C-alpha atoms as a PDB file:
ATOM      1  CA  UNK A   1     -29.502  -0.548  14.937  1.00  0.00           C
ATOM      2  CA  UNK A   2     -28.330  -1.282  11.486  1.00  0.00           C
ATOM      3  CA  UNK A   3     -29.506   1.504   9.902  1.00  0.00           C
ATOM      4  CA  UNK A   4     -27.414   3.585  12.318  1.00  0.00           C
ATOM      5  CA  UNK A   5     -24.310   1.628  11.583  1.00  0.00           C
ATOM      6  CA  UNK A   6     -24.019   2.367   8.101  1.00  0.00           C
ATOM      7  CA  UNK A   7     -25.435   5.843   8.802  1.00  0.00           C
ATOM      8  CA  UNK A   8     -21.981   6.415  10.884  1.00  0.00           C
ATOM      9  CA  UNK A   9     -19.948   4.665   9.128  1.00  0.00           C
ATOM     10  CA  UNK A  10     -20.683   7.111   6.087  1.00  0.00           C
ATOM     11  CA  UNK A  11     -20.331   9.783   7.918  1.00  0.00           C
ATOM     12  CA  UNK A  12     -17.100   8.634   9.076  1.00  0.00           C
ATOM     13  CA  UNK A  13     -15.780   7.603   5.382  1.00  0.00           C
ATOM     14  CA  UNK A  14     -16.841  10.534   4.000  1.00  0.00           C
ATOM     15  CA  UNK A  15     -15.128  13.108   6.647  1.00  0.00           C
ATOM     16  CA  UNK A  16     -11.728  11.083   6.065  1.00  0.00           C
ATOM     17  CA  UNK A  17     -12.047  11.217   2.700  1.00  0.00           C
ATOM     18  CA  UNK A  18     -12.814  14.636   2.522  1.00  0.00           C
ATOM     19  CA  UNK A  19      -9.912  14.934   4.760  1.00  0.00           C
ATOM     20  CA  UNK A  20      -7.703  12.903   2.521  1.00  0.00           C
ATOM     21  CA  UNK A  21      -6.841  10.359   5.040  1.00  0.00           C
ATOM     22  CA  UNK A  22      -5.803   6.651   3.913  1.00  0.00           C
ATOM     23  CA  UNK A  23      -7.766   4.117   6.601  1.00  0.00           C
ATOM     24  CA  UNK A  24      -3.898   3.907   8.154  1.00  0.00           C
ATOM     25  CA  UNK A  25      -3.821   7.235   8.199  1.00  0.00           C
ATOM     26  CA  UNK A  26      -6.649   7.467  10.958  1.00  0.00           C
ATOM     27  CA  UNK A  27      -5.360   4.442  12.297  1.00  0.00           C
ATOM     28  CA  UNK A  28      -2.385   6.432  13.299  1.00  0.00           C
ATOM     29  CA  UNK A  29      -4.433   9.283  14.604  1.00  0.00           C
ATOM     30  CA  UNK A  30      -6.971   7.711  16.652  1.00  0.00           C
ATOM     31  CA  UNK A  31      -5.388   4.798  18.107  1.00  0.00           C
ATOM     32  CA  UNK A  32      -8.138   2.481  16.493  1.00  0.00           C
ATOM     33  CA  UNK A  33      -7.219  -0.491  13.377  1.00  0.00           C
ATOM     34  CA  UNK A  34      -8.012   0.396  10.015  1.00  0.00           C
ATOM     35  CA  UNK A  35      -9.573  -2.393   9.272  1.00  0.00           C
ATOM     36  CA  UNK A  36     -12.060  -1.996  12.458  1.00  0.00           C
ATOM     37  CA  UNK A  37     -12.394   1.501  10.752  1.00  0.00           C
ATOM     38  CA  UNK A  38     -12.902  -0.284   7.550  1.00  0.00           C
ATOM     39  CA  UNK A  39     -15.896  -2.515   9.334  1.00  0.00           C
ATOM     40  CA  UNK A  40     -17.442   0.743  10.651  1.00  0.00           C
ATOM     41  CA  UNK A  41     -17.202   2.321   7.902  1.00  0.00           C
ATOM     42  CA  UNK A  42     -19.074  -0.578   5.747  1.00  0.00           C
ATOM     43  CA  UNK A  43     -21.283  -1.107   8.664  1.00  0.00           C
ATOM     44  CA  UNK A  44     -20.522  -4.744   8.999  1.00  0.00           C
ATOM     45  CA  UNK A  45     -19.730  -3.192  12.975  1.00  0.00           C
ATOM     46  CA  UNK A  46     -20.995  -0.587  14.930  1.00  0.00           C
ATOM     47  CA  UNK A  47     -17.592  -0.934  16.441  1.00  0.00           C
ATOM     48  CA  UNK A  48     -17.337   0.165  20.841  1.00  0.00           C
ATOM     49  CA  UNK A  49     -18.543   3.688  21.963  1.00  0.00           C
ATOM     50  CA  UNK A  50     -15.086   4.569  22.475  1.00  0.00           C
ATOM     51  CA  UNK A  51     -13.385   3.715  19.554  1.00  0.00           C
ATOM     52  CA  UNK A  52     -16.226   5.612  17.382  1.00  0.00           C
ATOM     53  CA  UNK A  53     -15.721   8.258  20.079  1.00  0.00           C
ATOM     54  CA  UNK A  54     -11.624   8.381  19.244  1.00  0.00           C
ATOM     55  CA  UNK A  55     -12.344   8.144  15.411  1.00  0.00           C
ATOM     56  CA  UNK A  56     -14.722  11.172  15.553  1.00  0.00           C
ATOM     57  CA  UNK A  57     -12.677  13.698  17.826  1.00  0.00           C
ATOM     58  CA  UNK A  58      -9.524  12.736  15.189  1.00  0.00           C
ATOM     59  CA  UNK A  59     -12.114  14.536  12.057  1.00  0.00           C
ATOM     60  CA  UNK A  60     -12.578  17.019  14.349  1.00  0.00           C
ATOM     61  CA  UNK A  61     -16.136  16.291  15.061  1.00  0.00           C
ATOM     62  CA  UNK A  62     -17.994  14.324  18.064  1.00  0.00           C
ATOM     63  CA  UNK A  63     -21.255  12.096  18.913  1.00  0.00           C
ATOM     64  CA  UNK A  64     -24.047  14.532  20.294  1.00  0.00           C
ATOM     65  CA  UNK A  65     -26.879  12.244  21.352  1.00  0.00           C
ATOM     66  CA  UNK A  66     -30.413  13.827  21.436  1.00  0.00           C
ATOM     67  CA  UNK A  67     -33.124  12.749  23.565  1.00  0.00           C
END
């Protein structure tokens, strides 16, 4: 689980930076606090599923589960 946390966090951080968004700007777009986004980006929290979905949506992405 921890490895997945880092992977998701890294994807979010890279996309946010590519779009030139600060943590506070992303917070305004998705409604998830910048502190939570920061913790997810750094792998310190997996975040709630709905929070991760809202962050990804604000970045023009979606979560796809492959089984």
